[in-house]
Protein backbone atom coordinates (compact mmCIF):
# COMPACT_ATOMS: atom_id res chain seq x y z
CA MET A 1 129.56 84.14 -82.83
CA GLY A 2 127.11 81.83 -84.82
CA LEU A 3 123.46 81.37 -84.21
CA PHE A 4 123.35 78.96 -81.90
CA LYS A 5 125.92 80.79 -79.34
CA ARG A 6 123.83 83.86 -79.48
CA LEU A 7 120.62 81.87 -78.26
CA VAL A 8 122.21 80.11 -75.93
CA LEU A 9 124.75 82.27 -74.56
CA PRO A 10 122.07 84.32 -72.17
CA LEU A 11 120.77 81.14 -70.78
CA VAL A 12 121.76 79.26 -67.78
CA LEU A 13 119.58 76.31 -66.85
CA CYS A 14 119.16 75.99 -63.29
CA PHE A 15 117.56 72.96 -62.10
CA MET A 16 116.84 73.30 -58.20
CA LEU A 17 115.74 70.14 -55.98
CA SER A 18 115.60 69.64 -52.95
CA ALA A 19 119.26 68.67 -51.19
CA PRO A 20 120.29 66.26 -48.31
CA PRO A 21 122.61 67.03 -45.40
CA GLY A 22 125.98 68.15 -46.37
CA TYR A 23 124.67 69.65 -50.40
CA ALA A 24 121.97 71.76 -48.74
CA ASP A 25 123.39 75.23 -49.50
CA THR A 26 125.56 73.84 -52.47
CA ASN A 27 124.46 75.19 -56.18
CA VAL A 28 126.85 72.93 -58.18
CA LYS A 29 128.16 74.83 -61.51
CA VAL A 30 128.52 72.25 -64.38
CA GLY A 31 130.43 73.51 -67.81
CA THR A 32 129.41 72.08 -70.98
CA VAL A 33 129.86 72.81 -74.56
CA PHE A 34 127.42 74.67 -76.82
CA PHE A 35 127.14 71.78 -79.19
CA ASP A 36 128.57 68.58 -79.70
CA PRO A 37 126.12 65.49 -80.57
CA PRO A 38 125.46 63.38 -79.38
CA PHE A 39 127.33 64.41 -76.14
CA VAL A 40 125.47 67.71 -76.19
CA MET A 41 122.70 68.54 -78.66
CA SER A 42 121.02 71.53 -77.00
CA ILE A 43 121.04 73.11 -73.43
CA ASN A 44 118.75 70.23 -72.13
CA GLN A 45 119.02 67.54 -74.42
CA GLY A 46 121.95 64.94 -75.26
CA PHE A 47 123.58 62.29 -73.64
CA ASP A 48 125.75 63.88 -71.37
CA ILE A 49 123.10 66.20 -70.37
CA ASP A 50 120.88 63.34 -69.63
CA LEU A 51 123.95 62.02 -67.92
CA ILE A 52 124.14 64.73 -65.38
CA ARG A 53 120.52 65.31 -64.57
CA THR A 54 120.16 61.73 -63.45
CA ILE A 55 123.19 61.71 -61.54
CA PHE A 56 122.11 65.32 -59.59
CA GLN A 57 118.61 64.22 -59.45
CA ARG A 58 119.64 60.88 -57.43
CA MET A 59 122.19 63.20 -55.39
CA LYS A 60 118.95 65.63 -54.83
CA THR A 61 121.78 68.56 -55.34
CA SER A 62 120.42 71.94 -57.40
CA TYR A 63 123.06 72.68 -60.15
CA GLU A 64 123.34 74.82 -62.88
CA ILE A 65 124.05 74.19 -66.90
CA ILE A 66 126.93 76.59 -68.42
CA PRO A 67 127.52 76.27 -71.73
CA MET A 68 130.83 77.50 -73.03
CA ASP A 69 133.32 76.85 -75.73
CA TYR A 70 135.63 73.48 -75.19
CA ASN A 71 138.74 75.29 -74.29
CA GLN A 72 137.11 77.43 -72.19
CA LEU A 73 136.09 74.84 -69.84
CA PHE A 74 139.65 74.64 -68.79
CA THR A 75 139.98 78.12 -67.76
CA ALA A 76 136.69 78.02 -65.62
CA LEU A 77 137.67 75.25 -63.87
CA ASN A 78 140.78 76.99 -63.01
CA ASP A 79 139.04 80.48 -61.92
CA GLY A 80 136.07 78.96 -60.25
CA THR A 81 133.36 79.57 -62.77
CA ILE A 82 132.55 76.46 -62.91
CA ASP A 83 132.82 73.26 -60.16
CA ILE A 84 132.92 70.29 -63.02
CA ALA A 85 132.93 70.27 -66.58
CA ILE A 86 131.74 67.51 -68.78
CA GLY A 87 131.13 67.25 -72.55
CA GLY A 88 133.13 64.66 -74.17
CA ILE A 89 136.22 65.24 -72.05
CA SER A 90 138.85 62.72 -72.90
CA ILE A 91 141.24 61.48 -70.05
CA SER A 92 144.62 61.72 -70.33
CA PRO A 93 147.76 61.33 -68.14
CA ASP A 94 148.20 65.48 -69.06
CA ARG A 95 145.05 66.26 -67.87
CA GLU A 96 145.04 64.11 -64.72
CA ALA A 97 148.43 66.04 -63.73
CA VAL A 98 145.94 68.99 -63.35
CA TYR A 99 142.62 67.93 -62.74
CA ILE A 100 140.52 65.04 -61.10
CA PHE A 101 138.19 62.96 -63.02
CA SER A 102 134.95 60.75 -62.48
CA LEU A 103 135.37 57.34 -63.60
CA PRO A 104 135.35 56.76 -66.85
CA TYR A 105 131.45 56.51 -68.22
CA MET A 106 132.20 55.45 -71.45
CA VAL A 107 135.46 54.44 -73.78
CA SER A 108 136.84 57.49 -75.41
CA LYS A 109 137.73 57.30 -79.32
CA GLY A 110 138.50 59.60 -82.00
CA GLN A 111 137.94 59.69 -86.09
CA PHE A 112 138.10 61.61 -89.01
CA LEU A 113 135.21 63.27 -90.84
CA ILE A 114 135.24 63.89 -94.21
CA LEU A 115 133.23 64.92 -97.10
CA LYS A 116 131.53 62.01 -98.88
CA ASN A 117 132.22 63.56 -102.36
CA SER A 118 135.64 64.60 -101.57
CA GLY A 119 137.36 61.10 -103.21
CA ILE A 120 139.25 60.49 -100.41
CA LYS A 121 139.45 56.67 -99.87
CA SER A 122 141.91 56.19 -96.91
CA ILE A 123 144.28 58.64 -94.13
CA ASP A 124 147.08 58.55 -96.09
CA ASN A 125 144.76 60.53 -98.92
CA LEU A 126 144.96 63.20 -96.45
CA GLN A 127 148.38 63.92 -97.35
CA GLY A 128 149.53 67.87 -97.36
CA GLY A 129 145.83 68.44 -96.38
CA LYS A 130 144.46 70.71 -93.47
CA VAL A 131 142.68 68.59 -90.65
CA GLY A 132 140.65 70.53 -88.05
CA VAL A 133 140.31 69.62 -84.50
CA ILE A 134 138.47 71.60 -81.50
CA ARG A 135 140.50 73.94 -79.54
CA GLY A 136 141.68 72.14 -76.14
CA GLU A 137 143.38 73.79 -73.27
CA GLU A 138 146.36 75.30 -73.24
CA GLN A 139 148.80 72.30 -74.37
CA ALA A 140 146.42 72.14 -77.47
CA GLY A 141 144.68 69.45 -76.24
CA VAL A 142 144.06 65.66 -76.47
CA PHE A 143 143.54 65.57 -80.28
CA TYR A 144 145.71 67.84 -81.31
CA ASN A 145 148.74 66.08 -79.53
CA TYR A 146 147.48 62.57 -80.42
CA LEU A 147 147.43 63.62 -84.30
CA SER A 148 151.00 65.39 -83.98
CA VAL A 149 152.39 62.40 -82.81
CA LYS A 150 150.70 60.01 -84.58
CA TYR A 151 150.68 61.60 -87.75
CA THR A 152 153.99 63.75 -87.57
CA ASN A 153 154.17 66.61 -90.65
CA GLN A 154 151.77 64.51 -92.65
CA PHE A 155 148.92 67.36 -92.70
CA GLN A 156 148.66 70.84 -91.53
CA LEU A 157 146.05 70.89 -87.87
CA MET A 158 143.80 73.27 -87.60
CA LYS A 159 142.56 74.36 -84.32
CA PHE A 160 138.73 75.76 -83.78
CA ASP A 161 136.58 77.02 -81.00
CA ASP A 162 133.62 75.01 -81.67
CA MET A 163 131.55 72.48 -83.40
CA GLU A 164 129.68 75.04 -85.82
CA ASP A 165 133.00 76.93 -86.55
CA ILE A 166 134.63 73.07 -87.74
CA ILE A 167 131.64 71.90 -89.57
CA THR A 168 131.30 75.07 -91.88
CA ALA A 169 135.15 74.51 -92.38
CA LEU A 170 134.79 70.96 -93.28
CA SER A 171 131.21 72.02 -95.46
CA ASN A 172 132.89 74.82 -97.29
CA LYS A 173 136.21 72.57 -97.90
CA SER A 174 138.72 75.40 -95.85
CA ILE A 175 139.65 71.92 -94.29
CA THR A 176 140.25 68.22 -95.81
CA ALA A 177 138.81 66.31 -92.89
CA ALA A 178 137.92 66.91 -89.29
CA PHE A 179 139.02 64.68 -86.32
CA LEU A 180 136.37 64.38 -84.11
CA ASN A 181 135.03 62.47 -80.99
CA GLN A 182 133.97 59.29 -82.89
CA PRO A 183 130.13 59.16 -81.70
CA THR A 184 129.99 62.97 -82.68
CA ALA A 185 131.35 61.91 -86.53
CA ALA A 186 128.64 59.02 -86.43
CA TYR A 187 126.29 61.60 -85.87
CA TRP A 188 126.99 64.12 -88.40
CA GLU A 189 127.43 60.75 -90.98
CA GLN A 190 123.75 59.97 -90.36
CA ASN A 191 122.50 63.53 -89.68
CA GLY A 192 124.50 65.95 -91.97
CA GLY A 193 122.13 65.64 -95.18
CA GLY A 194 124.24 63.01 -96.82
CA GLN A 195 127.10 65.54 -96.74
CA PHE A 196 129.44 63.63 -94.68
CA LYS A 197 131.07 60.05 -93.93
CA ALA A 198 133.52 58.82 -91.31
CA LEU A 199 136.93 57.82 -92.82
CA GLY A 200 139.52 54.82 -90.81
CA GLU A 201 138.64 52.65 -88.07
CA PRO A 202 138.04 54.81 -84.85
CA ALA A 203 140.93 55.14 -82.72
CA ILE A 204 140.94 54.92 -78.59
CA ILE A 205 142.02 58.17 -77.34
CA GLY A 206 143.09 58.58 -73.42
CA SER A 207 141.24 56.35 -71.19
CA GLY A 208 137.51 57.20 -71.40
CA TYR A 209 135.15 59.76 -70.99
CA GLY A 210 134.70 61.68 -67.51
CA ILE A 211 133.81 64.34 -65.71
CA MET A 212 136.33 66.86 -64.68
CA ALA A 213 137.12 68.98 -61.67
CA LEU A 214 139.67 70.57 -59.74
CA SER A 215 141.20 68.55 -56.78
CA THR A 216 139.16 70.69 -54.31
CA ASN A 217 135.73 69.15 -55.45
CA THR A 218 137.69 65.21 -54.43
CA ALA A 219 134.50 64.91 -52.34
CA LEU A 220 132.00 65.99 -55.05
CA ILE A 221 133.31 63.63 -57.75
CA GLY A 222 133.72 60.39 -55.27
CA THR A 223 129.62 61.09 -54.54
CA ILE A 224 129.39 61.29 -58.80
CA ASN A 225 131.44 58.33 -59.00
CA GLN A 226 128.91 56.56 -56.32
CA GLN A 227 126.09 57.17 -58.59
CA LEU A 228 127.98 56.50 -61.77
CA GLN A 229 128.18 52.74 -60.35
CA ALA A 230 124.33 53.13 -59.25
CA ILE A 231 123.01 53.77 -62.55
CA GLU A 232 124.98 51.06 -63.89
CA LYS A 233 124.26 48.26 -61.63
CA ASP A 234 120.60 49.11 -61.66
CA ASN A 235 120.33 49.50 -66.08
CA THR A 236 119.74 53.38 -66.31
CA TYR A 237 122.84 53.83 -67.92
CA LEU A 238 122.07 51.24 -70.15
CA ASN A 239 118.95 52.64 -71.04
CA LEU A 240 120.55 56.46 -71.33
CA TYR A 241 123.26 54.87 -73.97
CA GLY A 242 120.68 53.36 -75.60
CA THR A 243 118.66 56.71 -76.45
CA TYR A 244 121.64 58.16 -78.21
CA PHE A 245 123.92 55.31 -79.22
CA SER A 246 122.89 52.88 -81.83
CA ASP A 247 125.99 50.02 -81.09
């Protein structure tokens, strides 16, 4: 377990706000990842963290942020440990067969990340190498499935539990490339001490990033959708987006 996990795991961040009728006794448990910049940069910072904060402040509803590995978000929803999940989660047909999603709040894209001094010039140069992805649900996850179909037998896919592990593996050349959310790849290219660079064009994966839940929380997702539409109309979303993304 890395240092980041050791520091964050004992913490459960709880925001207590006065709740309107219908939510007075509700403390929504929000699952997210430990670290996936710029979506989640700390327990209280990141685009997705600020988005959830904005939504629940407007709902005047209390909530808890519960950090975990990405693949654990799915089991935590299934067993009721959390009510909703957020953290750069792509909406896909396979996931929609099991879970419900909010309206997409951003286009979901993936992109390769490599070492800047690797000598790799194109995706074709990854032939025979190892490409890392963050471990998803039991079916391996959206990125794993996308690469398996798009680049059949071109490279070996390696699954990692969290961002810390996959970036460490790329840094020490245990893998040739990582395939990450495009904003995450851009973050490491800009903030990785000059070690990394994005490779190839971003690929659209799924039908956007969404907030995920079980169908038992349909009403909650409906209320979240209302807030997503409201913050888009009054430019709150645009201002939040500009804080974390440069495009």
